[in-house]
Amino acid sequence: MGIVLARIDNRLIHGQVLEAWIPFTHANCIVVANDELARPSLRRAMMEASVPRSIKVIIGDVEDISLRLRDPALAKERVLLLFASSADALRAHRRGVVFKELNLGNMHEGQGKYQLSCTIHLDEEDVKNLIFLEQEGVEIVSRCIPADRGQHWKKLVRNMPG
C-alpha cells in the first residue's frame, strides 16, 4: 500500500495523530522523518512509548527515511508519514519519497512566521518549499483533523504580506 498520509505537524507523534488520523487512514505504521528526533532523546522515547504496540514506529533522519521507504517490505504497510517542517518534506520528496498529497496539520509560530489559520504559521521559506513541492506534482491541503474540510494551501497564503 505505501504512504496513506503525508503530513507536516510540528508535534510529530501526538494524540491527534493517534486518535484521529490513524483510525481514519487505517495506517499500521508511523514513519517520522526528522533529523532532530532521529537522535536518542526523552522526547523520542515518549513518542515511541505513546504508540499502541499494534502500530509499527520508524523514526529516522530525512535521508535514512528516504532510503527505508524504498524497502519493499515497508511498501506493504499502510504508512502515515510525518514531517516537522516544509523543508523536511521537500528534502524527502527530492530524495525520492513519493507522496501525491501533503497535509498541513500544525506549523507552529516562530520568528518571521505569519499566522494563516489557528494552526498554520508560514514564513517565506515555507512558501517557497511548498511552491516547489506543488511544482513537483504534490497537492497541498490544510486539514487539522479528518472531519475538517480540506483547504488548498494557496487560499491560506493569499492574505500573507509580501
Protein backbone atom coordinates (compact mmCIF):
# COMPACT_ATOMS: atom_id res chain seq x y z
CA MET A 1 0.00 0.00 0.00
CA GLY A 2 2.69 2.51 0.99
CA ILE A 3 2.07 6.03 2.17
CA VAL A 4 -1.58 6.66 3.05
CA LEU A 5 -0.97 10.12 4.51
CA ALA A 6 1.96 12.54 4.41
CA ARG A 7 1.58 15.32 6.95
CA ILE A 8 3.54 18.28 8.29
CA ASP A 9 2.90 18.55 12.00
CA ASN A 10 5.48 20.16 14.28
CA ARG A 11 4.30 17.94 17.14
CA LEU A 12 5.00 14.76 15.13
CA ILE A 13 3.52 11.80 17.09
CA HIS A 14 0.80 13.05 19.46
CA GLY A 15 -2.79 12.40 20.46
CA GLN A 16 -4.43 13.82 17.35
CA VAL A 17 -2.33 11.59 15.12
CA LEU A 18 -3.01 8.52 17.24
CA GLU A 19 -6.69 9.13 17.95
CA ALA A 20 -7.87 10.70 14.70
CA TRP A 21 -5.52 10.11 11.78
CA ILE A 22 -4.54 6.50 12.47
CA PRO A 23 -8.16 5.27 12.59
CA PHE A 24 -9.15 7.45 9.62
CA THR A 25 -6.33 6.23 7.38
CA HIS A 26 -6.16 2.69 8.84
CA ALA A 27 -2.40 3.19 8.99
CA ASN A 28 -0.45 0.41 10.68
CA CYS A 29 2.92 2.14 10.55
CA ILE A 30 4.03 5.64 11.59
CA VAL A 31 7.18 6.92 9.95
CA VAL A 32 8.78 10.10 11.27
CA ALA A 33 11.37 11.81 9.06
CA ASN A 34 13.12 14.31 11.29
CA ASP A 35 16.84 14.85 11.85
CA GLU A 36 16.44 16.04 15.44
CA LEU A 37 14.15 13.22 16.58
CA ALA A 38 16.40 10.64 14.92
CA ARG A 39 18.84 11.03 17.82
CA PRO A 40 18.09 9.28 21.12
CA SER A 41 16.18 11.60 23.44
CA LEU A 42 13.47 11.62 26.07
CA ARG A 43 11.10 13.18 23.53
CA ARG A 44 11.71 10.34 21.09
CA ALA A 45 11.28 7.69 23.80
CA MET A 46 8.00 9.29 24.93
CA MET A 47 6.66 9.37 21.38
CA GLU A 48 7.58 5.74 20.77
CA ALA A 49 6.02 4.69 24.09
CA SER A 50 2.75 6.50 23.28
CA VAL A 51 2.02 4.38 20.21
CA PRO A 52 -0.01 1.18 20.63
CA ARG A 53 2.01 -1.98 20.02
CA SER A 54 -0.14 -2.85 17.02
CA ILE A 55 1.32 0.16 15.19
CA LYS A 56 4.90 -0.03 13.91
CA VAL A 57 7.00 3.09 14.52
CA ILE A 58 10.04 4.06 12.48
CA ILE A 59 11.94 7.24 13.29
CA GLY A 60 14.94 8.44 11.37
CA ASP A 61 16.57 11.41 9.79
CA VAL A 62 15.26 12.53 6.42
CA GLU A 63 17.98 10.76 4.45
CA ASP A 64 17.57 7.48 6.33
CA ILE A 65 13.80 7.52 5.99
CA SER A 66 14.06 8.33 2.27
CA LEU A 67 16.08 5.14 1.81
CA ARG A 68 13.99 2.99 4.15
CA LEU A 69 10.74 3.89 2.37
CA ARG A 70 12.13 2.15 -0.73
CA ASP A 71 12.20 -1.17 1.14
CA PRO A 72 9.58 -3.45 -0.49
CA ALA A 73 8.58 -4.76 2.96
CA LEU A 74 7.64 -1.26 4.04
CA ALA A 75 5.68 -0.74 0.83
CA LYS A 76 3.26 -3.40 2.09
CA GLU A 77 2.45 -1.34 5.19
CA ARG A 78 -0.08 1.49 5.44
CA VAL A 79 2.33 4.30 6.28
CA LEU A 80 1.44 7.58 7.95
CA LEU A 81 4.46 9.77 7.17
CA LEU A 82 5.17 12.74 9.45
CA PHE A 83 7.43 15.74 8.88
CA ALA A 84 8.08 18.62 11.26
CA SER A 85 8.67 21.19 8.54
CA SER A 86 8.16 22.06 4.90
CA ALA A 87 11.95 21.82 4.43
CA ASP A 88 11.93 18.17 5.60
CA ALA A 89 9.00 17.34 3.31
CA LEU A 90 10.76 18.92 0.32
CA ARG A 91 14.07 17.15 1.13
CA ALA A 92 12.33 13.77 1.38
CA HIS A 93 10.39 14.32 -1.83
CA ARG A 94 13.54 15.27 -3.69
CA ARG A 95 15.23 12.14 -2.30
CA GLY A 96 12.58 10.01 -3.97
CA VAL A 97 9.85 9.70 -1.37
CA VAL A 98 6.64 9.67 -3.38
CA PHE A 99 3.55 11.32 -1.94
CA LYS A 100 0.90 12.88 -4.12
CA GLU A 101 -0.78 14.85 -1.35
CA LEU A 102 0.70 16.69 1.62
CA ASN A 103 -1.44 17.61 4.59
CA LEU A 104 -0.58 20.74 6.54
CA GLY A 105 -1.62 19.97 10.10
CA ASN A 106 0.29 22.10 12.55
CA MET A 107 3.07 24.50 11.72
CA HIS A 108 3.81 26.48 14.85
CA GLU A 109 4.55 30.14 15.13
CA GLY A 110 8.08 31.41 15.14
CA GLN A 111 10.16 34.41 14.27
CA GLY A 112 9.26 35.63 10.80
CA LYS A 113 6.23 33.33 10.57
CA TYR A 114 2.87 34.72 9.59
CA GLN A 115 -0.29 33.24 11.09
CA LEU A 116 -2.61 31.99 8.35
CA SER A 117 -5.00 29.94 10.49
CA CYS A 118 -5.18 28.86 14.11
CA THR A 119 -2.61 26.10 13.45
CA ILE A 120 -0.69 27.17 10.34
CA HIS A 121 2.15 29.70 10.51
CA LEU A 122 4.37 30.10 7.46
CA ASP A 123 7.36 32.20 6.52
CA GLU A 124 8.79 32.92 3.09
CA GLU A 125 10.94 29.78 3.14
CA ASP A 126 7.88 27.63 3.86
CA VAL A 127 6.03 29.24 0.96
CA LYS A 128 8.98 28.60 -1.38
CA ASN A 129 9.23 24.98 -0.22
CA LEU A 130 5.51 24.41 -0.73
CA ILE A 131 5.64 26.03 -4.19
CA PHE A 132 8.49 23.66 -5.14
CA LEU A 133 6.52 20.67 -3.88
CA GLU A 134 3.45 21.77 -5.79
CA GLN A 135 5.54 22.24 -8.96
CA GLU A 136 6.75 18.67 -8.46
CA GLY A 137 3.15 17.43 -8.52
CA VAL A 138 2.21 17.38 -4.84
CA GLU A 139 -1.26 18.62 -3.91
CA ILE A 140 -1.06 20.57 -0.67
CA VAL A 141 -4.06 20.85 1.60
CA SER A 142 -4.54 22.17 5.12
CA ARG A 143 -6.63 19.85 7.24
CA CYS A 144 -6.22 19.70 11.00
CA ILE A 145 -8.38 16.63 11.68
CA PRO A 146 -10.12 14.16 9.38
CA ALA A 147 -13.54 15.77 9.98
CA ASP A 148 -12.25 19.11 8.65
CA ARG A 149 -12.86 20.08 5.09
CA GLY A 150 -9.50 20.32 3.37
CA GLN A 151 -8.47 23.78 2.25
CA HIS A 152 -5.97 24.34 -0.54
CA TRP A 153 -2.90 25.98 0.95
CA LYS A 154 -2.88 28.87 -1.52
CA LYS A 155 -6.20 30.06 -0.10
CA LEU A 156 -4.38 30.49 3.21
CA VAL A 157 -1.45 32.45 1.81
CA ARG A 158 -3.43 34.91 -0.29
CA ASN A 159 -3.60 37.29 2.69
CA MET A 160 0.07 36.88 3.53
CA PRO A 161 2.08 40.10 3.21
CA GLY A 162 4.77 40.30 0.55
